[in-house]
Amino acid sequence: GKMAEKNTSIIRLPGADTHRACEMLSRAFFHDSKMTHLMPEIAARKDRSKHLFEFELRYGMIYGDVYTTSPALEGVAVWLPSDKSEITLWRAFRAGGLGLQRHLGKETMDRLMAFSATIDNLHKKHIPSPHCYLFFIGVDPSFQGKGYAGRLLRPMLERLDMKKIPCYLNTQNEKNISLYEHFGFRVIDQLTLPDSDILHTAMLRDPYQAT
């Protein structure tokens, strides 16, 4: 009935909610190994991570799709078509990269650029053919473990199945691997990233073939 339908719906993140979404994502990823690598100092991370997420959400809004669970913003997911997944200089400029550089400072920015280049190269190596890229998904810590990740993932994965499009993601959080496996992703590569002790896991989901 109506209730079940309401439960599985997702909405596009309204531009006006970007700021609130950044604060939520900053909380969600506060202890994430990528974040602690990019911004080791806790005080700086509190402030700077918001600017990084603002840039990434703007990028998603320009080049892909940004969804949230409800106006309460329990979770946010950013999806990109594979031909827009590489953050080139021009695309970064369009999404506010200059402001990001100012907010992060040179050292963090250099770390971010090196990290992104490594990730982009792996991505291209793993899956050169067209696909969808789950750029990131974050759930507010106060709502974690309540099914919001699934609520964000399912509608897009169903759409990809209908269009027969594979989906790629990478995670630096080992705890999330089983969650993604539950939704049909499989590990295609795992390696420790250079200049860090971060275990990087690349995962791929083939479109579900109804038999």
Protein backbone atom coordinates (compact mmCIF):
# COMPACT_ATOMS: atom_id res chain seq x y z
CA GLY A 1 0.00 0.00 0.00
CA LYS A 2 0.80 3.66 0.29
CA MET A 3 2.92 3.30 3.40
CA ALA A 4 5.41 0.85 1.92
CA GLU A 5 5.72 3.05 -1.14
CA LYS A 6 6.49 6.09 1.01
CA ASN A 7 9.17 4.20 2.88
CA THR A 8 11.27 3.37 -0.15
CA SER A 9 11.15 6.77 -1.78
CA ILE A 10 14.19 8.98 -2.14
CA ILE A 11 14.36 12.62 -3.13
CA ARG A 12 16.93 14.71 -4.92
CA LEU A 13 18.92 16.72 -2.44
CA PRO A 14 17.60 20.30 -2.70
CA GLY A 15 20.36 22.87 -3.26
CA ALA A 16 19.13 24.77 -0.21
CA ASP A 17 19.93 21.74 1.98
CA THR A 18 23.55 21.43 0.82
CA HIS A 19 24.93 23.09 3.94
CA ARG A 20 22.99 20.81 6.30
CA ALA A 21 24.01 17.78 4.25
CA CYS A 22 27.69 18.77 4.56
CA GLU A 23 27.41 18.94 8.34
CA MET A 24 25.76 15.52 8.41
CA LEU A 25 28.42 13.99 6.12
CA SER A 26 31.16 15.56 8.19
CA ARG A 27 29.77 13.66 11.21
CA ALA A 28 29.23 10.46 9.22
CA PHE A 29 32.80 10.31 7.90
CA PHE A 30 34.57 11.83 10.89
CA HIS A 31 36.52 8.65 11.74
CA ASP A 32 36.76 7.36 8.16
CA SER A 33 40.33 6.38 7.28
CA LYS A 34 40.37 8.55 4.15
CA MET A 35 39.36 11.59 6.23
CA THR A 36 41.85 10.93 9.01
CA HIS A 37 44.54 10.53 6.35
CA LEU A 38 43.63 13.79 4.61
CA MET A 39 43.03 15.77 7.81
CA PRO A 40 44.89 14.22 10.75
CA GLU A 41 44.23 17.10 13.17
CA ILE A 42 40.81 16.76 14.78
CA ALA A 43 39.98 20.48 15.03
CA ALA A 44 40.88 21.06 11.38
CA ARG A 45 38.87 18.01 10.29
CA LYS A 46 35.72 19.34 11.99
CA ASP A 47 35.93 22.52 9.97
CA ARG A 48 37.54 21.44 6.71
CA SER A 49 35.68 18.23 6.00
CA LYS A 50 32.49 20.29 5.53
CA HIS A 51 34.17 22.20 2.71
CA LEU A 52 35.29 18.99 1.05
CA PHE A 53 31.75 17.58 1.17
CA GLU A 54 30.33 20.84 -0.15
CA PHE A 55 32.62 20.53 -3.14
CA GLU A 56 31.75 16.85 -3.65
CA LEU A 57 27.99 17.48 -3.40
CA ARG A 58 28.22 20.37 -5.87
CA TYR A 59 30.21 18.14 -8.18
CA GLY A 60 27.51 15.46 -7.89
CA MET A 61 24.75 17.97 -8.58
CA ILE A 62 26.45 19.22 -11.74
CA TYR A 63 27.66 15.90 -13.15
CA GLY A 64 25.51 13.18 -11.59
CA ASP A 65 22.68 12.54 -9.14
CA VAL A 66 22.52 13.40 -5.45
CA TYR A 67 19.77 11.74 -3.42
CA THR A 68 18.69 11.92 0.19
CA THR A 69 16.23 9.81 2.16
CA SER A 70 13.89 12.62 3.26
CA PRO A 71 13.92 16.31 4.24
CA ALA A 72 15.43 15.12 7.54
CA LEU A 73 18.58 14.11 5.60
CA GLU A 74 19.17 10.80 7.36
CA GLY A 75 21.47 9.78 4.51
CA VAL A 76 22.91 11.04 1.23
CA ALA A 77 24.22 9.20 -1.84
CA VAL A 78 26.09 10.64 -4.83
CA TRP A 79 26.12 8.73 -8.13
CA LEU A 80 28.16 9.67 -11.21
CA PRO A 81 28.16 8.38 -14.78
CA SER A 82 31.60 6.84 -15.43
CA ASP A 83 32.54 9.46 -18.03
CA LYS A 84 32.22 12.15 -15.34
CA SER A 85 33.82 10.25 -12.48
CA GLU A 86 37.29 11.69 -12.99
CA ILE A 87 37.57 15.10 -11.35
CA THR A 88 39.47 16.99 -14.05
CA LEU A 89 40.74 20.52 -13.41
CA TRP A 90 37.94 22.10 -15.43
CA ARG A 91 35.23 20.07 -13.68
CA ALA A 92 36.77 20.87 -10.31
CA PHE A 93 36.79 24.57 -11.21
CA ARG A 94 33.08 24.44 -12.13
CA ALA A 95 32.24 22.76 -8.81
CA GLY A 96 34.09 25.36 -6.72
CA GLY A 97 37.57 23.87 -6.53
CA LEU A 98 39.27 27.22 -6.00
CA GLY A 99 37.26 27.89 -2.86
CA LEU A 100 38.02 24.36 -1.69
CA GLN A 101 41.75 24.96 -2.10
CA ARG A 102 41.47 28.13 -0.03
CA HIS A 103 39.59 26.36 2.76
CA LEU A 104 41.73 23.22 2.90
CA GLY A 105 45.16 24.82 2.65
CA LYS A 106 48.03 23.56 0.52
CA GLU A 107 49.06 20.51 2.52
CA THR A 108 45.59 18.95 2.71
CA MET A 109 44.90 19.88 -0.91
CA ASP A 110 48.11 18.16 -2.06
CA ARG A 111 47.16 15.05 -0.09
CA LEU A 112 43.68 15.11 -1.61
CA MET A 113 45.01 15.46 -5.17
CA ALA A 114 47.45 12.57 -4.71
CA PHE A 115 44.76 10.39 -3.16
CA SER A 116 42.26 11.19 -5.94
CA ALA A 117 44.80 10.53 -8.69
CA THR A 118 45.59 7.09 -7.23
CA ILE A 119 41.88 6.25 -6.92
CA ASP A 120 41.07 7.51 -10.45
CA ASN A 121 43.87 5.44 -11.99
CA LEU A 122 42.71 2.28 -10.22
CA HIS A 123 39.12 2.99 -11.26
CA LYS A 124 40.09 3.32 -14.94
CA LYS A 125 42.17 0.14 -14.75
CA HIS A 126 39.38 -1.90 -13.13
CA ILE A 127 36.49 -0.95 -15.35
CA PRO A 128 37.18 1.01 -18.54
CA SER A 129 33.70 0.33 -20.02
CA PRO A 130 30.68 2.60 -19.27
CA HIS A 131 29.11 2.14 -15.85
CA CYS A 132 27.70 4.01 -12.89
CA TYR A 133 30.01 5.09 -10.06
CA LEU A 134 28.76 5.30 -6.48
CA PHE A 135 30.91 8.29 -5.51
CA PHE A 136 29.94 8.04 -1.86
CA ILE A 137 27.11 7.27 0.51
CA GLY A 138 26.85 8.59 4.05
CA VAL A 139 24.32 8.06 6.83
CA ASP A 140 24.02 10.33 9.86
CA PRO A 141 25.62 8.53 12.84
CA SER A 142 22.38 8.89 14.83
CA PHE A 143 20.52 6.96 12.09
CA GLN A 144 23.13 4.31 11.27
CA GLY A 145 22.12 0.66 11.37
CA LYS A 146 18.46 1.43 10.65
CA GLY A 147 18.34 0.54 6.96
CA TYR A 148 18.87 4.01 5.49
CA ALA A 149 21.82 2.89 3.35
CA GLY A 150 19.62 0.27 1.74
CA ARG A 151 16.89 2.82 1.23
CA LEU A 152 19.36 4.98 -0.70
CA LEU A 153 20.90 2.13 -2.67
CA ARG A 154 17.90 0.09 -3.79
CA PRO A 155 16.06 2.53 -6.10
CA MET A 156 19.22 3.38 -8.07
CA LEU A 157 20.38 -0.24 -8.31
CA GLU A 158 16.93 -1.24 -9.61
CA ARG A 159 17.19 1.47 -12.25
CA LEU A 160 20.67 0.26 -13.24
CA ASP A 161 19.35 -3.32 -13.49
CA MET A 162 16.61 -2.17 -15.86
CA LYS A 163 19.16 -0.37 -18.02
CA LYS A 164 21.67 -3.24 -17.64
CA ILE A 165 24.39 -0.91 -16.32
CA PRO A 166 27.09 -2.17 -13.93
CA CYS A 167 28.00 -0.16 -10.82
CA TYR A 168 31.45 0.45 -9.32
CA LEU A 169 32.42 1.76 -5.91
CA ASN A 170 35.46 1.97 -3.71
CA THR A 171 35.58 2.03 0.04
CA GLN A 172 38.27 2.68 2.62
CA ASN A 173 36.09 1.26 5.38
CA GLU A 174 36.33 -2.53 5.76
CA LYS A 175 33.17 -2.57 7.91
CA ASN A 176 31.10 -1.56 4.87
CA ILE A 177 32.23 -4.38 2.59
CA SER A 178 29.59 -6.85 3.82
CA LEU A 179 26.88 -4.19 3.49
CA TYR A 180 27.75 -3.70 -0.18
CA GLU A 181 28.03 -7.46 -0.75
CA HIS A 182 24.48 -7.75 0.55
CA PHE A 183 23.41 -5.49 -2.35
CA GLY A 184 25.19 -7.56 -4.98
CA PHE A 185 28.63 -5.93 -5.12
CA ARG A 186 31.72 -8.14 -5.14
CA VAL A 187 35.31 -7.29 -4.25
CA ILE A 188 37.44 -7.01 -7.40
CA ASP A 189 40.61 -5.62 -5.81
CA GLN A 190 42.11 -4.76 -2.44
CA LEU A 191 45.34 -2.93 -1.84
CA THR A 192 47.05 -0.68 0.65
CA LEU A 193 47.34 2.82 -0.77
CA PRO A 194 50.84 4.32 -1.04
CA ASP A 195 51.92 6.81 1.67
CA SER A 196 49.18 5.57 4.00
CA ASP A 197 48.01 2.45 5.78
CA ILE A 198 44.58 2.69 4.16
CA LEU A 199 43.14 -0.54 2.80
CA HIS A 200 41.37 0.34 -0.41
CA THR A 201 38.65 -2.00 -1.66
CA ALA A 202 37.22 -1.77 -5.17
CA MET A 203 33.83 -3.39 -5.70
CA LEU A 204 31.69 -4.05 -8.76
CA ARG A 205 28.04 -4.96 -9.16
CA ASP A 206 26.89 -6.54 -12.40
CA PRO A 207 23.33 -5.69 -13.38
CA TYR A 208 20.94 -8.34 -12.14
CA GLN A 209 19.81 -10.57 -14.98
CA ALA A 210 16.26 -11.76 -14.44
CA THR A 211 16.09 -15.37 -15.62
